[in-house]
Amino acid sequence: MAEFNKKMQEQLKTPPQPGQAPISPADAIMPPEFFIKKEASISDIKIGITVNVVAADKDIKNAKQFTAAEISLQPAPVMTPAAVTPPAAE
């Protein structure tokens, strides 16, 4: 993220020269992804994990089967107990 911010600051400091087109969206620096894409196996699916599937077919509402174009796993959120503040002494 630090590298992304550094490059963004560099772009902001150097405005386009007269007659030079501004940076196009295709040339813009993309922010880093908030997750890591890696290979997973069926054994990686555990209770509490969210499984998202993008179908290769357009209409799967009444399909008995379909081909997945992408499958992603999202781990269950880590729930930490809330901090308990003792009542103030009177």
Protein backbone atom coordinates (compact mmCIF):
# COMPACT_ATOMS: atom_id res chain seq x y z
CA MET A 1 0.00 0.00 0.00
CA ALA A 2 2.94 2.33 0.71
CA GLU A 3 4.23 1.84 -2.84
CA PHE A 4 0.76 2.64 -4.23
CA ASN A 5 0.54 5.85 -2.19
CA LYS A 6 4.06 6.87 -3.25
CA LYS A 7 3.26 6.43 -6.96
CA MET A 8 -0.01 8.33 -6.58
CA GLN A 9 1.84 11.26 -4.97
CA GLU A 10 4.39 11.23 -7.82
CA GLN A 11 1.60 11.41 -10.40
CA LEU A 12 -0.09 14.28 -8.58
CA LYS A 13 3.19 16.25 -8.38
CA THR A 14 3.81 16.05 -12.14
CA PRO A 15 0.77 17.43 -13.98
CA PRO A 16 0.57 16.79 -17.73
CA GLN A 17 2.57 19.13 -19.94
CA PRO A 18 0.69 21.45 -22.33
CA GLY A 19 -0.46 19.37 -25.27
CA GLN A 20 0.05 16.14 -23.32
CA ALA A 21 -3.00 14.04 -22.60
CA PRO A 22 -3.75 13.37 -18.92
CA ILE A 23 -3.28 9.86 -17.61
CA SER A 24 -5.94 7.55 -18.98
CA PRO A 25 -7.80 5.11 -16.73
CA ALA A 26 -5.90 2.28 -18.44
CA ASP A 27 -2.59 3.83 -17.33
CA ALA A 28 -3.74 4.62 -13.80
CA ILE A 29 -2.15 2.78 -10.91
CA MET A 30 -4.54 0.25 -9.43
CA PRO A 31 -4.71 -0.11 -5.64
CA PRO A 32 -3.55 -3.41 -4.19
CA GLU A 33 -6.13 -6.13 -3.73
CA PHE A 34 -7.35 -6.75 -0.20
CA PHE A 35 -6.97 -10.50 -0.54
CA ILE A 36 -4.55 -13.02 -1.98
CA LYS A 37 -5.55 -15.25 -4.88
CA LYS A 38 -4.08 -18.73 -4.64
CA GLU A 39 -4.94 -22.31 -5.46
CA ALA A 40 -7.24 -24.09 -3.00
CA SER A 41 -8.55 -27.61 -2.71
CA ILE A 42 -11.84 -29.06 -1.57
CA SER A 43 -10.24 -29.82 1.81
CA ASP A 44 -9.79 -26.05 2.36
CA ILE A 45 -13.58 -25.63 2.68
CA LYS A 46 -14.48 -25.65 6.36
CA ILE A 47 -17.56 -24.76 8.40
CA GLY A 48 -18.03 -20.99 8.49
CA ILE A 49 -16.18 -20.26 5.23
CA THR A 50 -18.15 -18.38 2.58
CA VAL A 51 -17.94 -19.91 -0.89
CA ASN A 52 -18.62 -17.57 -3.84
CA VAL A 53 -19.11 -19.06 -7.30
CA VAL A 54 -19.21 -17.16 -10.59
CA ALA A 55 -20.98 -19.24 -13.23
CA ALA A 56 -19.61 -19.48 -16.77
CA ASP A 57 -23.21 -19.76 -18.00
CA LYS A 58 -25.44 -16.69 -18.00
CA ASP A 59 -28.71 -18.18 -16.79
CA ILE A 60 -28.42 -20.82 -14.07
CA LYS A 61 -31.75 -20.24 -12.32
CA ASN A 62 -33.31 -23.50 -13.56
CA ALA A 63 -30.09 -25.38 -14.42
CA LYS A 64 -29.44 -28.76 -12.83
CA GLN A 65 -25.70 -28.17 -13.22
CA PHE A 66 -23.38 -25.42 -14.43
CA THR A 67 -19.70 -24.74 -14.99
CA ALA A 68 -17.95 -22.43 -12.56
CA ALA A 69 -15.76 -19.72 -14.06
CA GLU A 70 -14.34 -18.71 -10.67
CA ILE A 71 -14.66 -20.00 -7.12
CA SER A 72 -13.47 -17.98 -4.16
CA LEU A 73 -13.30 -18.80 -0.47
CA GLN A 74 -13.67 -16.16 2.21
CA PRO A 75 -12.69 -17.19 5.73
CA ALA A 76 -15.14 -16.67 8.54
CA PRO A 77 -14.60 -13.36 10.33
CA VAL A 78 -12.58 -13.56 13.51
CA MET A 79 -14.81 -12.62 16.40
CA THR A 80 -12.95 -11.17 19.34
CA PRO A 81 -14.76 -10.73 22.61
CA ALA A 82 -15.74 -7.17 23.39
CA ALA A 83 -13.71 -5.43 26.05
CA VAL A 84 -15.61 -5.15 29.32
CA THR A 85 -15.13 -1.93 31.24
CA PRO A 86 -15.83 -2.25 34.95
CA PRO A 87 -18.26 0.29 36.40
CA ALA A 88 -16.69 3.41 37.86
CA ALA A 89 -16.26 3.36 41.62
CA GLU A 90 -18.52 5.77 43.46
